[in-house]
Amino acid sequence: MDESSGIRRLDEDKYTFIVGRKRYTLTTSLDDENFGCVVANVRAAVDSFPPNLSQEDRLFLALMSMSHRMHEIGRRLDGLIENSMPCGEEK
């Protein structure tokens, strides 16, 4: 894994990385590229909140923000699926 990303591979499936003001270590089955994308998305979400908030508050707000985005994407996908089906056909 690229050290400049702040993500270090410790073992085959164990990584250490920084989000906000804290270093985390976890085990995952994700490959390096996908894990790097996940960490980048989490960092972006956490960094979008004021740094004067606690780490816990920033993480919780990031979780809520990402959950809201996922809900909106799901709603839009449902609408696209519904609009693409022939009349009378169900999902």
Protein backbone atom coordinates (compact mmCIF):
# COMPACT_ATOMS: atom_id res chain seq x y z
CA MET A 1 0.00 0.00 0.00
CA ASP A 2 1.24 3.51 -0.76
CA GLU A 3 2.68 5.04 2.45
CA SER A 4 1.69 8.54 1.29
CA SER A 5 -1.97 7.55 1.76
CA GLY A 6 -1.29 7.02 5.46
CA ILE A 7 -2.48 3.43 5.16
CA ARG A 8 -0.02 0.71 6.08
CA ARG A 9 -0.52 -3.00 5.56
CA LEU A 10 0.55 -4.88 8.69
CA ASP A 11 -0.32 -8.41 7.61
CA GLU A 12 -2.06 -10.05 4.67
CA ASP A 13 -5.44 -8.63 5.69
CA LYS A 14 -4.58 -6.18 8.50
CA TYR A 15 -4.14 -2.43 8.01
CA THR A 16 -3.41 0.63 10.10
CA PHE A 17 -4.63 4.08 9.02
CA ILE A 18 -5.56 7.51 10.30
CA VAL A 19 -9.01 9.10 10.16
CA GLY A 20 -9.38 12.52 11.72
CA ARG A 21 -7.12 12.64 14.76
CA LYS A 22 -6.90 8.93 15.50
CA ARG A 23 -5.08 5.87 14.16
CA TYR A 24 -7.15 2.73 13.65
CA THR A 25 -6.10 -0.86 13.01
CA LEU A 26 -8.43 -3.43 11.53
CA THR A 27 -8.62 -6.66 9.62
CA THR A 28 -10.55 -6.81 6.34
CA SER A 29 -10.93 -9.06 3.33
CA LEU A 30 -10.93 -6.03 0.98
CA ASP A 31 -8.04 -5.73 -1.45
CA ASP A 32 -5.66 -2.75 -1.19
CA GLU A 33 -7.40 -0.68 -3.86
CA ASN A 34 -10.92 -1.08 -2.46
CA PHE A 35 -9.76 -0.59 1.12
CA GLY A 36 -7.95 2.61 0.08
CA CYS A 37 -11.14 3.91 -1.55
CA VAL A 38 -13.20 3.15 1.56
CA VAL A 39 -10.71 4.91 3.83
CA ALA A 40 -10.56 7.91 1.45
CA ASN A 41 -14.37 8.18 1.50
CA VAL A 42 -14.49 7.96 5.29
CA ARG A 43 -11.75 10.58 5.63
CA ALA A 44 -13.55 12.94 3.25
CA ALA A 45 -16.79 12.56 5.21
CA VAL A 46 -15.07 13.12 8.57
CA ASP A 47 -13.05 16.06 7.25
CA SER A 48 -16.22 17.76 6.00
CA PHE A 49 -17.18 18.54 9.62
CA PRO A 50 -15.59 21.25 11.77
CA PRO A 51 -12.31 20.19 13.42
CA ASN A 52 -13.39 21.72 16.74
CA LEU A 53 -15.89 18.87 17.18
CA SER A 54 -14.74 15.73 19.00
CA GLN A 55 -13.48 12.76 17.01
CA GLU A 56 -16.54 10.79 18.11
CA ASP A 57 -18.93 13.52 16.97
CA ARG A 58 -17.20 13.84 13.59
CA LEU A 59 -17.31 10.07 13.08
CA PHE A 60 -21.00 9.92 14.02
CA LEU A 61 -21.89 12.83 11.73
CA ALA A 62 -19.90 11.20 8.92
CA LEU A 63 -21.83 7.97 9.49
CA MET A 64 -25.14 9.82 9.37
CA SER A 65 -24.12 11.72 6.24
CA MET A 66 -22.98 8.56 4.43
CA SER A 67 -26.15 6.74 5.49
CA HIS A 68 -28.27 9.59 4.12
CA ARG A 69 -26.37 9.48 0.82
CA MET A 70 -26.87 5.71 0.56
CA HIS A 71 -30.59 6.11 1.25
CA GLU A 72 -30.88 8.79 -1.46
CA ILE A 73 -28.98 6.64 -3.97
CA GLY A 74 -31.23 3.67 -3.17
CA ARG A 75 -34.33 5.82 -3.61
CA ARG A 76 -33.07 7.09 -6.98
CA LEU A 77 -32.21 3.57 -8.14
CA ASP A 78 -35.68 2.36 -7.16
CA GLY A 79 -37.17 5.20 -9.22
CA LEU A 80 -35.00 4.33 -12.22
CA ILE A 81 -35.94 0.65 -11.98
CA GLU A 82 -39.62 1.49 -11.65
CA ASN A 83 -39.50 3.83 -14.66
CA SER A 84 -37.65 1.30 -16.81
CA MET A 85 -40.14 -1.55 -16.33
CA PRO A 86 -42.94 -2.13 -18.79
CA CYS A 87 -46.40 -1.22 -17.53
CA GLY A 88 -47.92 -3.84 -15.29
CA GLU A 89 -44.61 -5.58 -14.50
CA GLU A 90 -43.46 -5.64 -10.87
CA LYS A 91 -39.96 -5.48 -9.41
